[in-house]
Amino acid sequence: MTRRFDAIVIGAGYGGVTAAAVLASRGLRILILDKNKRPGGKAMRAVRNGVVHDLWPIAGGPTRGSRFHDLVRLLGMKDETLLEPDPA
């Protein structure tokens, strides 16, 4: 059986899964390939000798009215799921 995809996304980190989600929301058949056994990219954790290590901790957040909010709406997520600091 031959499988056909409209797009192949290389990398299952934040960017890769976001790109795949946007393409899939437009009805495309997507294949995601990653070198690791689990998705997550630089947001992955590793456990060695019972100690959990964040490989590349990332901190940051979208600004109000940014393209991030457009993406949330495109993917059918509710804005209420986002936590925003009080501007005061």
N, C-alpha and C. Protein backbone atom coordinates (compact mmCIF):
# COMPACT_ATOMS: atom_id res chain seq x y z
N MET A 1 0.84 -1.16 0.00
CA MET A 1 0.00 0.00 0.00
C MET A 1 0.90 1.25 0.00
N THR A 2 0.63 2.15 -0.91
CA THR A 2 1.39 3.39 -1.00
C THR A 2 0.66 4.49 -0.24
N ARG A 3 1.37 5.17 0.61
CA ARG A 3 0.79 6.29 1.34
C ARG A 3 1.22 7.58 0.66
N ARG A 4 0.31 8.49 0.53
CA ARG A 4 0.60 9.77 -0.11
C ARG A 4 0.32 10.90 0.88
N PHE A 5 1.21 11.87 0.87
CA PHE A 5 1.07 13.03 1.74
C PHE A 5 1.16 14.28 0.89
N ASP A 6 0.49 15.32 1.34
CA ASP A 6 0.57 16.61 0.66
C ASP A 6 1.81 17.38 1.08
N ALA A 7 2.27 17.14 2.30
CA ALA A 7 3.45 17.84 2.81
C ALA A 7 4.16 16.95 3.81
N ILE A 8 5.47 17.09 3.88
CA ILE A 8 6.29 16.41 4.88
C ILE A 8 6.97 17.48 5.71
N VAL A 9 6.78 17.41 7.02
CA VAL A 9 7.38 18.37 7.94
C VAL A 9 8.55 17.68 8.62
N ILE A 10 9.71 18.31 8.57
CA ILE A 10 10.91 17.78 9.20
C ILE A 10 11.07 18.45 10.56
N GLY A 11 10.97 17.66 11.62
CA GLY A 11 11.13 18.18 12.97
C GLY A 11 9.81 18.26 13.71
N ALA A 12 9.77 17.67 14.91
CA ALA A 12 8.55 17.64 15.71
C ALA A 12 8.68 18.51 16.95
N GLY A 13 9.41 19.61 16.81
CA GLY A 13 9.48 20.60 17.89
C GLY A 13 8.30 21.56 17.77
N TYR A 14 8.39 22.68 18.49
CA TYR A 14 7.30 23.66 18.46
C TYR A 14 6.96 24.09 17.04
N GLY A 15 7.98 24.46 16.27
CA GLY A 15 7.75 24.95 14.92
C GLY A 15 7.18 23.89 13.99
N GLY A 16 7.72 22.68 14.07
CA GLY A 16 7.26 21.61 13.18
C GLY A 16 5.83 21.21 13.43
N VAL A 17 5.47 21.01 14.70
CA VAL A 17 4.09 20.59 14.97
C VAL A 17 3.11 21.73 14.71
N THR A 18 3.56 22.98 14.88
CA THR A 18 2.68 24.11 14.56
C THR A 18 2.45 24.18 13.06
N ALA A 19 3.51 24.05 12.28
CA ALA A 19 3.36 24.05 10.82
C ALA A 19 2.45 22.91 10.37
N ALA A 20 2.64 21.73 10.94
CA ALA A 20 1.81 20.59 10.57
C ALA A 20 0.35 20.83 10.94
N ALA A 21 0.10 21.42 12.09
CA ALA A 21 -1.27 21.69 12.52
C ALA A 21 -1.96 22.68 11.59
N VAL A 22 -1.22 23.72 11.18
CA VAL A 22 -1.80 24.71 10.27
C VAL A 22 -2.13 24.05 8.92
N LEU A 23 -1.21 23.27 8.40
CA LEU A 23 -1.45 22.59 7.12
C LEU A 23 -2.61 21.61 7.23
N ALA A 24 -2.66 20.86 8.32
CA ALA A 24 -3.75 19.89 8.52
C ALA A 24 -5.08 20.61 8.67
N SER A 25 -5.08 21.80 9.27
CA SER A 25 -6.34 22.54 9.43
C SER A 25 -6.89 22.97 8.07
N ARG A 26 -6.04 22.98 7.07
CA ARG A 26 -6.46 23.33 5.71
C ARG A 26 -6.77 22.10 4.87
N GLY A 27 -6.82 20.94 5.54
CA GLY A 27 -7.22 19.70 4.86
C GLY A 27 -6.10 18.92 4.21
N LEU A 28 -4.84 19.28 4.44
CA LEU A 28 -3.73 18.55 3.84
C LEU A 28 -3.37 17.33 4.68
N ARG A 29 -2.87 16.31 4.00
CA ARG A 29 -2.37 15.11 4.69
C ARG A 29 -0.89 15.33 4.97
N ILE A 30 -0.52 15.24 6.24
CA ILE A 30 0.82 15.62 6.68
C ILE A 30 1.56 14.41 7.25
N LEU A 31 2.85 14.34 6.97
CA LEU A 31 3.75 13.39 7.61
C LEU A 31 4.78 14.21 8.36
N ILE A 32 4.97 13.92 9.65
CA ILE A 32 5.99 14.60 10.45
C ILE A 32 7.12 13.60 10.71
N LEU A 33 8.34 14.00 10.41
CA LEU A 33 9.52 13.17 10.66
C LEU A 33 10.42 13.87 11.67
N ASP A 34 10.96 13.11 12.60
CA ASP A 34 11.86 13.68 13.59
C ASP A 34 12.95 12.65 13.91
N LYS A 35 14.11 13.12 14.27
CA LYS A 35 15.22 12.22 14.60
C LYS A 35 15.05 11.55 15.96
N ASN A 36 14.20 12.12 16.81
CA ASN A 36 14.00 11.59 18.15
C ASN A 36 12.82 10.63 18.20
N LYS A 37 12.76 9.85 19.24
CA LYS A 37 11.66 8.91 19.43
C LYS A 37 10.37 9.60 19.85
N ARG A 38 10.50 10.79 20.47
CA ARG A 38 9.34 11.54 20.97
C ARG A 38 9.33 12.93 20.38
N PRO A 39 8.16 13.52 20.24
CA PRO A 39 8.10 14.91 19.78
C PRO A 39 8.53 15.85 20.90
N GLY A 40 8.84 17.07 20.55
CA GLY A 40 9.16 18.07 21.56
C GLY A 40 10.34 18.94 21.19
N GLY A 41 11.22 18.45 20.34
CA GLY A 41 12.38 19.26 19.95
C GLY A 41 13.18 19.72 21.14
N LYS A 42 13.48 21.02 21.18
CA LYS A 42 14.28 21.57 22.28
C LYS A 42 13.48 21.73 23.56
N ALA A 43 12.21 21.41 23.52
CA ALA A 43 11.39 21.48 24.73
C ALA A 43 11.35 20.12 25.45
N MET A 44 12.14 19.17 24.98
CA MET A 44 12.13 17.83 25.57
C MET A 44 12.82 17.80 26.93
N ARG A 45 12.51 16.75 27.66
CA ARG A 45 13.18 16.48 28.93
C ARG A 45 13.89 15.15 28.83
N ALA A 46 14.95 15.03 29.57
CA ALA A 46 15.68 13.77 29.65
C ALA A 46 15.79 13.38 31.12
N VAL A 47 15.76 12.09 31.39
CA VAL A 47 15.91 11.60 32.75
C VAL A 47 17.15 10.71 32.80
N ARG A 48 18.06 11.08 33.69
CA ARG A 48 19.26 10.26 33.89
C ARG A 48 19.45 10.06 35.38
N ASN A 49 19.61 8.82 35.76
CA ASN A 49 19.82 8.47 37.16
C ASN A 49 18.74 9.06 38.06
N GLY A 50 17.52 9.10 37.56
CA GLY A 50 16.40 9.60 38.34
C GLY A 50 16.26 11.11 38.39
N VAL A 51 17.16 11.83 37.71
CA VAL A 51 17.13 13.29 37.71
C VAL A 51 16.55 13.76 36.37
N VAL A 52 15.56 14.66 36.44
CA VAL A 52 14.94 15.20 35.23
C VAL A 52 15.68 16.45 34.79
N HIS A 53 16.06 16.51 33.51
CA HIS A 53 16.78 17.65 32.95
C HIS A 53 15.95 18.26 31.83
N ASP A 54 15.70 19.57 31.90
CA ASP A 54 15.11 20.30 30.78
C ASP A 54 16.25 20.57 29.81
N LEU A 55 16.13 20.06 28.58
CA LEU A 55 17.25 20.17 27.65
C LEU A 55 17.48 21.60 27.18
N TRP A 56 16.45 22.29 26.82
CA TRP A 56 16.55 23.68 26.38
C TRP A 56 15.36 24.43 26.93
N PRO A 57 15.38 24.83 28.19
CA PRO A 57 14.23 25.55 28.73
C PRO A 57 13.95 26.82 27.93
N ILE A 58 12.70 27.03 27.63
CA ILE A 58 12.30 28.19 26.84
C ILE A 58 11.28 28.99 27.63
N ALA A 59 11.50 30.27 27.74
CA ALA A 59 10.53 31.13 28.41
C ALA A 59 10.17 32.26 27.47
N GLY A 60 8.94 32.63 27.49
CA GLY A 60 8.50 33.72 26.63
C GLY A 60 7.01 33.60 26.43
N GLY A 61 6.46 34.57 25.80
CA GLY A 61 5.03 34.51 25.56
C GLY A 61 4.63 35.50 24.49
N PRO A 62 3.47 35.28 23.94
CA PRO A 62 3.00 36.17 22.88
C PRO A 62 2.52 37.50 23.43
N THR A 63 2.57 38.51 22.62
CA THR A 63 2.02 39.80 23.00
C THR A 63 0.56 39.85 22.59
N ARG A 64 -0.20 40.70 23.23
CA ARG A 64 -1.63 40.82 22.94
C ARG A 64 -1.83 41.20 21.47
N GLY A 65 -2.74 40.48 20.79
CA GLY A 65 -3.06 40.76 19.40
C GLY A 65 -1.99 40.32 18.41
N SER A 66 -1.09 39.42 18.82
CA SER A 66 0.00 38.99 17.94
C SER A 66 -0.47 37.91 16.97
N ARG A 67 0.43 37.48 16.10
CA ARG A 67 0.14 36.39 15.17
C ARG A 67 -0.15 35.10 15.93
N PHE A 68 0.36 35.00 17.14
CA PHE A 68 0.08 33.83 17.96
C PHE A 68 -1.43 33.67 18.17
N HIS A 69 -2.11 34.77 18.42
CA HIS A 69 -3.56 34.73 18.62
C HIS A 69 -4.27 34.31 17.33
N ASP A 70 -3.74 34.75 16.18
CA ASP A 70 -4.30 34.31 14.90
C ASP A 70 -4.16 32.79 14.76
N LEU A 71 -3.02 32.27 15.17
CA LEU A 71 -2.79 30.83 15.10
C LEU A 71 -3.74 30.07 16.02
N VAL A 72 -3.95 30.57 17.22
CA VAL A 72 -4.87 29.94 18.17
C VAL A 72 -6.28 29.85 17.57
N ARG A 73 -6.71 30.95 16.96
CA ARG A 73 -8.04 30.95 16.33
C ARG A 73 -8.08 30.00 15.14
N LEU A 74 -7.04 29.99 14.31
CA LEU A 74 -6.98 29.12 13.14
C LEU A 74 -7.10 27.65 13.54
N LEU A 75 -6.49 27.30 14.65
CA LEU A 75 -6.51 25.91 15.11
C LEU A 75 -7.75 25.58 15.93
N GLY A 76 -8.67 26.56 16.05
CA GLY A 76 -9.92 26.30 16.74
C GLY A 76 -9.81 26.28 18.25
N MET A 77 -8.76 26.88 18.78
CA MET A 77 -8.59 26.95 20.23
C MET A 77 -9.25 28.21 20.74
N LYS A 78 -9.68 28.21 21.97
CA LYS A 78 -10.33 29.39 22.55
C LYS A 78 -9.29 30.33 23.15
N ASP A 79 -9.49 31.62 22.95
CA ASP A 79 -8.58 32.60 23.55
C ASP A 79 -8.57 32.49 25.07
N GLU A 80 -9.67 31.98 25.65
CA GLU A 80 -9.72 31.87 27.11
C GLU A 80 -8.68 30.90 27.66
N THR A 81 -8.10 30.06 26.78
CA THR A 81 -7.09 29.13 27.26
C THR A 81 -5.75 29.82 27.48
N LEU A 82 -5.62 31.06 27.00
CA LEU A 82 -4.36 31.78 27.15
C LEU A 82 -4.37 32.60 28.45
N LEU A 83 -3.28 32.55 29.15
CA LEU A 83 -3.13 33.35 30.35
C LEU A 83 -2.32 34.58 30.00
N GLU A 84 -2.86 35.74 30.29
CA GLU A 84 -2.16 36.99 30.00
C GLU A 84 -2.00 37.78 31.30
N PRO A 85 -0.86 38.41 31.47
CA PRO A 85 -0.66 39.21 32.68
C PRO A 85 -1.57 40.44 32.67
N ASP A 86 -1.91 40.90 33.84
CA ASP A 86 -2.70 42.14 33.97
C ASP A 86 -1.83 43.30 33.50
N PRO A 87 -2.30 44.10 32.53
CA PRO A 87 -1.47 45.19 32.01
C PRO A 87 -1.11 46.24 33.05
N ALA A 88 -1.85 46.29 34.16
CA ALA A 88 -1.56 47.27 35.20
C ALA A 88 -0.29 46.85 35.91
